[in-house]
Amino acid sequence: MDALWHDEADRMGIPDGNGEFLLLATYPGSLARGWLKVKDLAGGHLPSRIAAASGSREFVAVSLDGKSLCAVSVEEYEDWIVTHSFEGGGSGLEGK
């Protein structure tokens, strides 16, 4: 899951040139914090690191320009990587 997520996130342009992106974790209580602008200093194994810290691999990552989304979802017994491109940006997530 780790390598696949990073491959898709890179393909979608999630991290910008500085490695920054928006992150929304989905563990209990995290939605109250909302979107966080993060920089992944470790540069690998993000789904596993999120799971180790929160107990859940699920999260949503969006490019700072709001044009691309790459998420991890757990559905019953399968992990999914979900991607989406927003045409022209303007997702409403910029600057949050």
PDB file of N, CA and C in Angstrom:
ATOM      1  N   MET A   1       0.823  -1.186   0.000  1.00  0.00           N
ATOM      2  CA  MET A   1       0.000   0.000   0.000  1.00  0.00           C
ATOM      3  C   MET A   1       0.875   1.260   0.000  1.00  0.00           C
ATOM      4  N   ASP A   2       1.934   1.238   0.778  1.00  0.00           N
ATOM      5  CA  ASP A   2       2.792   2.420   0.871  1.00  0.00           C
ATOM      6  C   ASP A   2       3.352   2.831  -0.489  1.00  0.00           C
ATOM      7  N   ALA A   3       3.987   1.902  -1.170  1.00  0.00           N
ATOM      8  CA  ALA A   3       4.611   2.214  -2.462  1.00  0.00           C
ATOM      9  C   ALA A   3       3.558   2.607  -3.490  1.00  0.00           C
ATOM     10  N   LEU A   4       2.422   1.919  -3.495  1.00  0.00           N
ATOM     11  CA  LEU A   4       1.366   2.250  -4.456  1.00  0.00           C
ATOM     12  C   LEU A   4       0.813   3.644  -4.206  1.00  0.00           C
ATOM     13  N   TRP A   5       0.604   3.992  -2.929  1.00  0.00           N
ATOM     14  CA  TRP A   5       0.082   5.326  -2.638  1.00  0.00           C
ATOM     15  C   TRP A   5       1.075   6.398  -3.099  1.00  0.00           C
ATOM     16  N   HIS A   6       2.339   6.221  -2.787  1.00  0.00           N
ATOM     17  CA  HIS A   6       3.335   7.216  -3.181  1.00  0.00           C
ATOM     18  C   HIS A   6       3.446   7.323  -4.705  1.00  0.00           C
ATOM     19  N   ASP A   7       3.363   6.194  -5.405  1.00  0.00           N
ATOM     20  CA  ASP A   7       3.393   6.234  -6.870  1.00  0.00           C
ATOM     21  C   ASP A   7       2.215   7.041  -7.420  1.00  0.00           C
ATOM     22  N   GLU A   8       1.019   6.777  -6.899  1.00  0.00           N
ATOM     23  CA  GLU A   8      -0.172   7.491  -7.371  1.00  0.00           C
ATOM     24  C   GLU A   8      -0.133   8.955  -6.966  1.00  0.00           C
ATOM     25  N   ALA A   9       0.292   9.246  -5.739  1.00  0.00           N
ATOM     26  CA  ALA A   9       0.364  10.634  -5.280  1.00  0.00           C
ATOM     27  C   ALA A   9       1.338  11.429  -6.144  1.00  0.00           C
ATOM     28  N   ASP A  10       2.474  10.837  -6.468  1.00  0.00           N
ATOM     29  CA  ASP A  10       3.439  11.513  -7.334  1.00  0.00           C
ATOM     30  C   ASP A  10       2.868  11.716  -8.734  1.00  0.00           C
ATOM     31  N   ARG A  11       2.211  10.694  -9.261  1.00  0.00           N
ATOM     32  CA  ARG A  11       1.607  10.785 -10.593  1.00  0.00           C
ATOM     33  C   ARG A  11       0.544  11.881 -10.635  1.00  0.00           C
ATOM     34  N   MET A  12      -0.194  12.031  -9.551  1.00  0.00           N
ATOM     35  CA  MET A  12      -1.266  13.017  -9.479  1.00  0.00           C
ATOM     36  C   MET A  12      -0.751  14.413  -9.129  1.00  0.00           C
ATOM     37  N   GLY A  13       0.518  14.523  -8.753  1.00  0.00           N
ATOM     38  CA  GLY A  13       1.074  15.821  -8.383  1.00  0.00           C
ATOM     39  C   GLY A  13       0.631  16.296  -7.009  1.00  0.00           C
ATOM     40  N   ILE A  14       0.403  15.366  -6.092  1.00  0.00           N
ATOM     41  CA  ILE A  14      -0.052  15.741  -4.749  1.00  0.00           C
ATOM     42  C   ILE A  14       1.007  16.573  -4.023  1.00  0.00           C
ATOM     43  N   PRO A  15       2.226  16.058  -3.813  1.00  0.00           N
ATOM     44  CA  PRO A  15       3.224  16.928  -3.181  1.00  0.00           C
ATOM     45  C   PRO A  15       3.707  17.971  -4.184  1.00  0.00           C
ATOM     46  N   ASP A  16       3.828  19.219  -3.726  1.00  0.00           N
ATOM     47  CA  ASP A  16       4.361  20.241  -4.620  1.00  0.00           C
ATOM     48  C   ASP A  16       5.885  20.136  -4.659  1.00  0.00           C
ATOM     49  N   GLY A  17       6.544  21.089  -5.262  1.00  0.00           N
ATOM     50  CA  GLY A  17       8.003  21.064  -5.378  1.00  0.00           C
ATOM     51  C   GLY A  17       8.725  21.054  -4.045  1.00  0.00           C
ATOM     52  N   ASN A  18       8.054  21.510  -2.993  1.00  0.00           N
ATOM     53  CA  ASN A  18       8.632  21.499  -1.649  1.00  0.00           C
ATOM     54  C   ASN A  18       8.183  20.293  -0.827  1.00  0.00           C
ATOM     55  N   GLY A  19       7.394  19.391  -1.437  1.00  0.00           N
ATOM     56  CA  GLY A  19       6.890  18.217  -0.728  1.00  0.00           C
ATOM     57  C   GLY A  19       5.678  18.506   0.140  1.00  0.00           C
ATOM     58  N   GLU A  20       5.018  19.649  -0.076  1.00  0.00           N
ATOM     59  CA  GLU A  20       3.870  20.031   0.747  1.00  0.00           C
ATOM     60  C   GLU A  20       2.555  19.674   0.066  1.00  0.00           C
ATOM     61  N   PHE A  21       1.567  19.374   0.906  1.00  0.00           N
ATOM     62  CA  PHE A  21       0.217  19.072   0.429  1.00  0.00           C
ATOM     63  C   PHE A  21      -0.747  19.229   1.591  1.00  0.00           C
ATOM     64  N   LEU A  22      -2.038  19.114   1.308  1.00  0.00           N
ATOM     65  CA  LEU A  22      -3.065  19.163   2.341  1.00  0.00           C
ATOM     66  C   LEU A  22      -3.429  17.753   2.748  1.00  0.00           C
ATOM     67  N   LEU A  23      -3.639  17.548   4.046  1.00  0.00           N
ATOM     68  CA  LEU A  23      -3.932  16.222   4.578  1.00  0.00           C
ATOM     69  C   LEU A  23      -5.150  16.294   5.488  1.00  0.00           C
ATOM     70  N   LEU A  24      -6.058  15.351   5.306  1.00  0.00           N
ATOM     71  CA  LEU A  24      -7.207  15.183   6.185  1.00  0.00           C
ATOM     72  C   LEU A  24      -7.199  13.740   6.662  1.00  0.00           C
ATOM     73  N   ALA A  25      -6.899  13.541   7.927  1.00  0.00           N
ATOM     74  CA  ALA A  25      -6.920  12.198   8.505  1.00  0.00           C
ATOM     75  C   ALA A  25      -8.359  11.863   8.890  1.00  0.00           C
ATOM     76  N   THR A  26      -8.646  10.581   9.024  1.00  0.00           N
ATOM     77  CA  THR A  26     -10.036  10.187   9.285  1.00  0.00           C
ATOM     78  C   THR A  26     -10.201   9.371  10.557  1.00  0.00           C
ATOM     79  N   TYR A  27      -9.259   9.487  11.493  1.00  0.00           N
ATOM     80  CA  TYR A  27      -9.424   8.796  12.767  1.00  0.00           C
ATOM     81  C   TYR A  27     -10.394   9.597  13.637  1.00  0.00           C
ATOM     82  N   PRO A  28     -10.986   8.981  14.678  1.00  0.00           N
ATOM     83  CA  PRO A  28     -11.962   9.697  15.512  1.00  0.00           C
ATOM     84  C   PRO A  28     -11.396  11.009  16.063  1.00  0.00           C
ATOM     85  N   GLY A  29     -12.119  12.085  15.853  1.00  0.00           N
ATOM     86  CA  GLY A  29     -11.728  13.398  16.329  1.00  0.00           C
ATOM     87  C   GLY A  29     -10.915  14.213  15.343  1.00  0.00           C
ATOM     88  N   SER A  30     -10.405  13.581  14.305  1.00  0.00           N
ATOM     89  CA  SER A  30      -9.533  14.296  13.370  1.00  0.00           C
ATOM     90  C   SER A  30     -10.295  15.280  12.491  1.00  0.00           C
ATOM     91  N   LEU A  31     -11.541  14.997  12.197  1.00  0.00           N
ATOM     92  CA  LEU A  31     -12.294  15.881  11.306  1.00  0.00           C
ATOM     93  C   LEU A  31     -12.499  17.254  11.931  1.00  0.00           C
ATOM     94  N   ALA A  32     -12.489  17.331  13.249  1.00  0.00           N
ATOM     95  CA  ALA A  32     -12.624  18.616  13.929  1.00  0.00           C
ATOM     96  C   ALA A  32     -11.409  19.511  13.663  1.00  0.00           C
ATOM     97  N   ARG A  33     -10.260  18.904  13.404  1.00  0.00           N
ATOM     98  CA  ARG A  33      -9.047  19.676  13.102  1.00  0.00           C
ATOM     99  C   ARG A  33      -9.058  20.192  11.670  1.00  0.00           C
ATOM    100  N   GLY A  34      -9.742  19.485  10.793  1.00  0.00           N
ATOM    101  CA  GLY A  34      -9.836  19.899   9.398  1.00  0.00           C
ATOM    102  C   GLY A  34      -8.558  19.616   8.619  1.00  0.00           C
ATOM    103  N   TRP A  35      -8.414  20.300   7.506  1.00  0.00           N
ATOM    104  CA  TRP A  35      -7.286  20.120   6.607  1.00  0.00           C
ATOM    105  C   TRP A  35      -6.020  20.698   7.222  1.00  0.00           C
ATOM    106  N   LEU A  36      -4.938  19.946   7.121  1.00  0.00           N
ATOM    107  CA  LEU A  36      -3.638  20.393   7.604  1.00  0.00           C
ATOM    108  C   LEU A  36      -2.677  20.498   6.431  1.00  0.00           C
ATOM    109  N   LYS A  37      -1.951  21.594   6.362  1.00  0.00           N
ATOM    110  CA  LYS A  37      -0.888  21.716   5.367  1.00  0.00           C
ATOM    111  C   LYS A  37       0.333  21.017   5.955  1.00  0.00           C
ATOM    112  N   VAL A  38       0.837  20.004   5.249  1.00  0.00           N
ATOM    113  CA  VAL A  38       1.944  19.211   5.768  1.00  0.00           C
ATOM    114  C   VAL A  38       3.080  19.137   4.757  1.00  0.00           C
ATOM    115  N   LYS A  39       4.240  18.796   5.275  1.00  0.00           N
ATOM    116  CA  LYS A  39       5.403  18.503   4.449  1.00  0.00           C
ATOM    117  C   LYS A  39       5.923  17.160   4.936  1.00  0.00           C
ATOM    118  N   ASP A  40       5.945  16.178   4.047  1.00  0.00           N
ATOM    119  CA  ASP A  40       6.367  14.833   4.423  1.00  0.00           C
ATOM    120  C   ASP A  40       7.884  14.756   4.396  1.00  0.00           C
ATOM    121  N   LEU A  41       8.495  14.976   5.551  1.00  0.00           N
ATOM    122  CA  LEU A  41       9.952  14.980   5.647  1.00  0.00           C
ATOM    123  C   LEU A  41      10.559  13.589   5.488  1.00  0.00           C
ATOM    124  N   ALA A  42       9.815  12.551   5.868  1.00  0.00           N
ATOM    125  CA  ALA A  42      10.332  11.184   5.757  1.00  0.00           C
ATOM    126  C   ALA A  42      10.283  10.694   4.312  1.00  0.00           C
ATOM    127  N   GLY A  43       9.281  11.141   3.549  1.00  0.00           N
ATOM    128  CA  GLY A  43       9.220  10.841   2.133  1.00  0.00           C
ATOM    129  C   GLY A  43       8.876   9.414   1.752  1.00  0.00           C
ATOM    130  N   GLY A  44       8.331   8.635   2.630  1.00  0.00           N
ATOM    131  CA  GLY A  44       7.941   7.276   2.284  1.00  0.00           C
ATOM    132  C   GLY A  44       7.078   6.645   3.359  1.00  0.00           C
ATOM    133  N   HIS A  45       6.355   5.630   2.971  1.00  0.00           N
ATOM    134  CA  HIS A  45       5.540   4.832   3.898  1.00  0.00           C
ATOM    135  C   HIS A  45       4.489   5.659   4.631  1.00  0.00           C
ATOM    136  N   LEU A  46       3.928   6.665   3.973  1.00  0.00           N
ATOM    137  CA  LEU A  46       2.959   7.534   4.644  1.00  0.00           C
ATOM    138  C   LEU A  46       1.748   6.770   5.165  1.00  0.00           C
ATOM    139  N   PRO A  47       1.094   5.889   4.392  1.00  0.00           N
ATOM    140  CA  PRO A  47      -0.048   5.161   4.951  1.00  0.00           C
ATOM    141  C   PRO A  47       0.312   4.365   6.215  1.00  0.00           C
ATOM    142  N   SER A  48       1.456   3.719   6.221  1.00  0.00           N
ATOM    143  CA  SER A  48       1.857   2.943   7.409  1.00  0.00           C
ATOM    144  C   SER A  48       2.173   3.849   8.592  1.00  0.00           C
ATOM    145  N   ARG A  49       2.790   5.001   8.325  1.00  0.00           N
ATOM    146  CA  ARG A  49       3.100   5.934   9.417  1.00  0.00           C
ATOM    147  C   ARG A  49       1.831   6.531  10.003  1.00  0.00           C
ATOM    148  N   ILE A  50       0.863   6.836   9.152  1.00  0.00           N
ATOM    149  CA  ILE A  50      -0.419   7.346   9.653  1.00  0.00           C
ATOM    150  C   ILE A  50      -1.120   6.278  10.473  1.00  0.00           C
ATOM    151  N   ALA A  51      -1.101   5.027  10.002  1.00  0.00           N
ATOM    152  CA  ALA A  51      -1.722   3.926  10.745  1.00  0.00           C
ATOM    153  C   ALA A  51      -1.053   3.716  12.100  1.00  0.00           C
ATOM    154  N   ALA A  52       0.271   3.814  12.144  1.00  0.00           N
ATOM    155  CA  ALA A  52       0.989   3.623  13.407  1.00  0.00           C
ATOM    156  C   ALA A  52       0.627   4.711  14.416  1.00  0.00           C
ATOM    157  N   ALA A  53       0.424   5.923  13.924  1.00  0.00           N
ATOM    158  CA  ALA A  53       0.125   7.040  14.816  1.00  0.00           C
ATOM    159  C   ALA A  53      -1.345   7.103  15.231  1.00  0.00           C
ATOM    160  N   SER A  54      -2.237   6.674  14.342  1.00  0.00           N
ATOM    161  CA  SER A  54      -3.669   6.872  14.595  1.00  0.00           C
ATOM    162  C   SER A  54      -4.480   5.594  14.725  1.00  0.00           C
ATOM    163  N   GLY A  55      -3.907   4.474  14.291  1.00  0.00           N
ATOM    164  CA  GLY A  55      -4.668   3.223  14.295  1.00  0.00           C
ATOM    165  C   GLY A  55      -5.485   3.015  13.034  1.00  0.00           C
ATOM    166  N   SER A  56      -5.406   3.945  12.102  1.00  0.00           N
ATOM    167  CA  SER A  56      -6.153   3.838  10.845  1.00  0.00           C
ATOM    168  C   SER A  56      -5.282   4.313   9.699  1.00  0.00           C
ATOM    169  N   ARG A  57      -5.313   3.569   8.592  1.00  0.00           N
ATOM    170  CA  ARG A  57      -4.573   3.971   7.394  1.00  0.00           C
ATOM    171  C   ARG A  57      -5.340   4.991   6.567  1.00  0.00           C
ATOM    172  N   GLU A  58      -6.581   5.233   6.883  1.00  0.00           N
ATOM    173  CA  GLU A  58      -7.414   6.078   6.028  1.00  0.00           C
ATOM    174  C   GLU A  58      -7.042   7.555   6.156  1.00  0.00           C
ATOM    175  N   PHE A  59      -6.912   8.208   5.007  1.00  0.00           N
ATOM    176  CA  PHE A  59      -6.672   9.644   4.952  1.00  0.00           C
ATOM    177  C   PHE A  59      -6.917  10.132   3.544  1.00  0.00           C
ATOM    178  N   VAL A  60      -7.027  11.446   3.419  1.00  0.00           N
ATOM    179  CA  VAL A  60      -7.201  12.093   2.129  1.00  0.00           C
ATOM    180  C   VAL A  60      -6.087  13.120   1.981  1.00  0.00           C
ATOM    181  N   ALA A  61      -5.428  13.129   0.841  1.00  0.00           N
ATOM    182  CA  ALA A  61      -4.397  14.118   0.537  1.00  0.00           C
ATOM    183  C   ALA A  61      -4.808  14.860  -0.729  1.00  0.00           C
ATOM    184  N   VAL A  62      -4.608  16.177  -0.713  1.00  0.00           N
ATOM    185  CA  VAL A  62      -4.961  17.022  -1.847  1.00  0.00           C
ATOM    186  C   VAL A  62      -3.780  17.935  -2.142  1.00  0.00           C
ATOM    187  N   SER A  63      -3.527  18.160  -3.415  1.00  0.00           N
ATOM    188  CA  SER A  63      -2.470  19.097  -3.814  1.00  0.00           C
ATOM    189  C   SER A  63      -2.833  20.501  -3.343  1.00  0.00           C
ATOM    190  N   LEU A  64      -1.825  21.321  -3.085  1.00  0.00           N
ATOM    191  CA  LEU A  64      -2.073  22.685  -2.608  1.00  0.00           C
ATOM    192  C   LEU A  64      -2.876  23.514  -3.599  1.00  0.00           C
ATOM    193  N   ASP A  65      -2.762  23.203  -4.889  1.00  0.00           N
ATOM    194  CA  ASP A  65      -3.521  23.960  -5.882  1.00  0.00           C
ATOM    195  C   ASP A  65      -4.959  23.455  -6.024  1.00  0.00           C
ATOM    196  N   GLY A  66      -5.305  22.409  -5.282  1.00  0.00           N
ATOM    197  CA  GLY A  66      -6.672  21.891  -5.298  1.00  0.00           C
ATOM    198  C   GLY A  66      -7.040  21.107  -6.533  1.00  0.00           C
ATOM    199  N   LYS A  67      -6.069  20.749  -7.348  1.00  0.00           N
ATOM    200  CA  LYS A  67      -6.370  20.065  -8.604  1.00  0.00           C
ATOM    201  C   LYS A  67      -6.398  18.540  -8.501  1.00  0.00           C
ATOM    202  N   SER A  68      -5.758  17.971  -7.472  1.00  0.00           N
ATOM    203  CA  SER A  68      -5.632  16.510  -7.407  1.00  0.00           C
ATOM    204  C   SER A  68      -5.859  15.989  -5.996  1.00  0.00           C
ATOM    205  N   LEU A  69      -6.453  14.814  -5.923  1.00  0.00           N
ATOM    206  CA  LEU A  69      -6.735  14.134  -4.667  1.00  0.00           C
ATOM    207  C   LEU A  69      -6.211  12.714  -4.753  1.00  0.00           C
ATOM    208  N   CYS A  70      -5.624  12.222  -3.670  1.00  0.00           N
ATOM    209  CA  CYS A  70      -5.181  10.835  -3.584  1.00  0.00           C
ATOM    210  C   CYS A  70      -5.417  10.381  -2.150  1.00  0.00           C
ATOM    211  N   ALA A  71      -6.273   9.393  -1.973  1.00  0.00           N
ATOM    212  CA  ALA A  71      -6.700   8.970  -0.640  1.00  0.00           C
ATOM    213  C   ALA A  71      -6.498   7.481  -0.438  1.00  0.00           C
ATOM    214  N   VAL A  72      -6.487   7.083   0.826  1.00  0.00           N
ATOM    215  CA  VAL A  72      -6.491   5.671   1.193  1.00  0.00           C
ATOM    216  C   VAL A  72      -7.789   5.411   1.931  1.00  0.00           C
ATOM    217  N   SER A  73      -8.508   4.389   1.496  1.00  0.00           N
ATOM    218  CA  SER A  73      -9.765   3.994   2.119  1.00  0.00           C
ATOM    219  C   SER A  73      -9.706   2.505   2.437  1.00  0.00           C
ATOM    220  N   VAL A  74     -10.260   2.129   3.557  1.00  0.00           N
ATOM    221  CA  VAL A  74     -10.334   0.717   3.941  1.00  0.00           C
ATOM    222  C   VAL A  74     -11.801   0.316   3.881  1.00  0.00           C
ATOM    223  N   GLU A  75     -12.099  -0.640   3.015  1.00  0.00           N
ATOM    224  CA  GLU A  75     -13.459  -1.122   2.818  1.00  0.00           C
ATOM    225  C   GLU A  75     -13.495  -2.611   3.101  1.00  0.00           C
ATOM    226  N   GLU A  76     -14.144  -2.983   4.195  1.00  0.00           N
ATOM    227  CA  GLU A  76     -14.203  -4.363   4.667  1.00  0.00           C
ATOM    228  C   GLU A  76     -12.800  -4.945   4.768  1.00  0.00           C
ATOM    229  N   TYR A  77     -12.400  -5.790   3.844  1.00  0.00           N
ATOM    230  CA  TYR A  77     -11.107  -6.467   3.941  1.00  0.00           C
ATOM    231  C   TYR A  77     -10.105  -5.995   2.897  1.00  0.00           C
ATOM    232  N   GLU A  78     -10.397  -4.867   2.253  1.00  0.00           N
ATOM    233  CA  GLU A  78      -9.522  -4.378   1.198  1.00  0.00           C
ATOM    234  C   GLU A  78      -9.141  -2.928   1.443  1.00  0.00           C
ATOM    235  N   ASP A  79      -7.917  -2.608   1.088  1.00  0.00           N
ATOM    236  CA  ASP A  79      -7.457  -1.220   1.096  1.00  0.00           C
ATOM    237  C   ASP A  79      -7.557  -0.689  -0.329  1.00  0.00           C
ATOM    238  N   TRP A  80      -8.003   0.541  -0.445  1.00  0.00           N
ATOM    239  CA  TRP A  80      -8.175   1.163  -1.755  1.00  0.00           C
ATOM    240  C   TRP A  80      -7.388   2.464  -1.813  1.00  0.00           C
ATOM    241  N   ILE A  81      -6.837   2.742  -2.969  1.00  0.00           N
ATOM    242  CA  ILE A  81      -6.278   4.051  -3.258  1.00  0.00           C
ATOM    243  C   ILE A  81      -7.263   4.721  -4.207  1.00  0.00           C
ATOM    244  N   VAL A  82      -7.750   5.884  -3.806  1.00  0.00           N
ATOM    245  CA  VAL A  82      -8.741   6.616  -4.583  1.00  0.00           C
ATOM    246  C   VAL A  82      -8.083   7.890  -5.091  1.00  0.00           C
ATOM    247  N   THR A  83      -8.174   8.124  -6.391  1.00  0.00           N
ATOM    248  CA  THR A  83      -7.614   9.345  -6.973  1.00  0.00           C
ATOM    249  C   THR A  83      -8.696  10.105  -7.723  1.00  0.00           C
ATOM    250  N   HIS A  84      -8.510  11.413  -7.814  1.00  0.00           N
ATOM    251  CA  HIS A  84      -9.432  12.231  -8.585  1.00  0.00           C
ATOM    252  C   HIS A  84      -8.724  13.513  -8.992  1.00  0.00           C
ATOM    253  N   SER A  85      -8.974  13.950 -10.213  1.00  0.00           N
ATOM    254  CA  SER A  85      -8.477  15.239 -10.699  1.00  0.00           C
ATOM    255  C   SER A  85      -9.656  16.191 -10.805  1.00  0.00           C
ATOM    256  N   PHE A  86      -9.477  17.397 -10.269  1.00  0.00           N
ATOM    257  CA  PHE A  86     -10.497  18.424 -10.359  1.00  0.00           C
ATOM    258  C   PHE A  86     -10.099  19.331 -11.513  1.00  0.00           C
ATOM    259  N   GLU A  87     -10.936  19.400 -12.530  1.00  0.00           N
ATOM    260  CA  GLU A  87     -10.605  20.212 -13.703  1.00  0.00           C
ATOM    261  C   GLU A  87     -10.482  21.670 -13.315  1.00  0.00           C
ATOM    262  N   GLY A  88      -9.348  22.252 -13.647  1.00  0.00           N
ATOM    263  CA  GLY A  88      -9.146  23.675 -13.403  1.00  0.00           C
ATOM    264  C   GLY A  88      -8.940  24.053 -11.957  1.00  0.00           C
ATOM    265  N   GLY A  89      -8.787  23.067 -11.072  1.00  0.00           N
ATOM    266  CA  GLY A  89      -8.597  23.392  -9.648  1.00  0.00           C
ATOM    267  C   GLY A  89      -9.893  23.908  -9.071  1.00  0.00           C
ATOM    268  N   GLY A  90      -9.797  24.830  -8.139  1.00  0.00           N
ATOM    269  CA  GLY A  90     -10.991  25.449  -7.580  1.00  0.00           C
ATOM    270  C   GLY A  90     -11.812  24.522  -6.716  1.00  0.00           C
ATOM    271  N   SER A  91     -11.184  23.586  -6.026  1.00  0.00           N
ATOM    272  CA  SER A  91     -11.927  22.671  -5.171  1.00  0.00           C
ATOM    273  C   SER A  91     -12.398  23.343  -3.888  1.00  0.00           C
ATOM    274  N   GLY A  92     -11.924  24.557  -3.623  1.00  0.00           N
ATOM    275  CA  GLY A  92     -12.274  25.237  -2.382  1.00  0.00           C
ATOM    276  C   GLY A  92     -11.360  24.895  -1.231  1.00  0.00           C
ATOM    277  N   LEU A  93     -10.306  24.109  -1.489  1.00  0.00           N
ATOM    278  CA  LEU A  93      -9.412  23.674  -0.425  1.00  0.00           C
ATOM    279  C   LEU A  93      -8.167  24.545  -0.333  1.00  0.00           C
ATOM    280  N   GLU A  94      -7.930  25.397  -1.302  1.00  0.00           N
ATOM    281  CA  GLU A  94      -6.708  26.174  -1.328  1.00  0.00           C
ATOM    282  C   GLU A  94      -6.594  27.063  -0.092  1.00  0.00           C
ATOM    283  N   GLY A  95      -5.399  27.070   0.487  1.00  0.00           N
ATOM    284  CA  GLY A  95      -5.101  27.976   1.572  1.00  0.00           C
ATOM    285  C   GLY A  95      -5.696  27.619   2.911  1.00  0.00           C
ATOM    286  N   LYS A  96      -6.228  26.439   3.055  1.00  0.00           N
ATOM    287  CA  LYS A  96      -6.804  26.035   4.338  1.00  0.00           C
ATOM    288  C   LYS A  96      -5.859  25.155   5.081  1.00  0.00           C
TER     289      LYS A  96
END
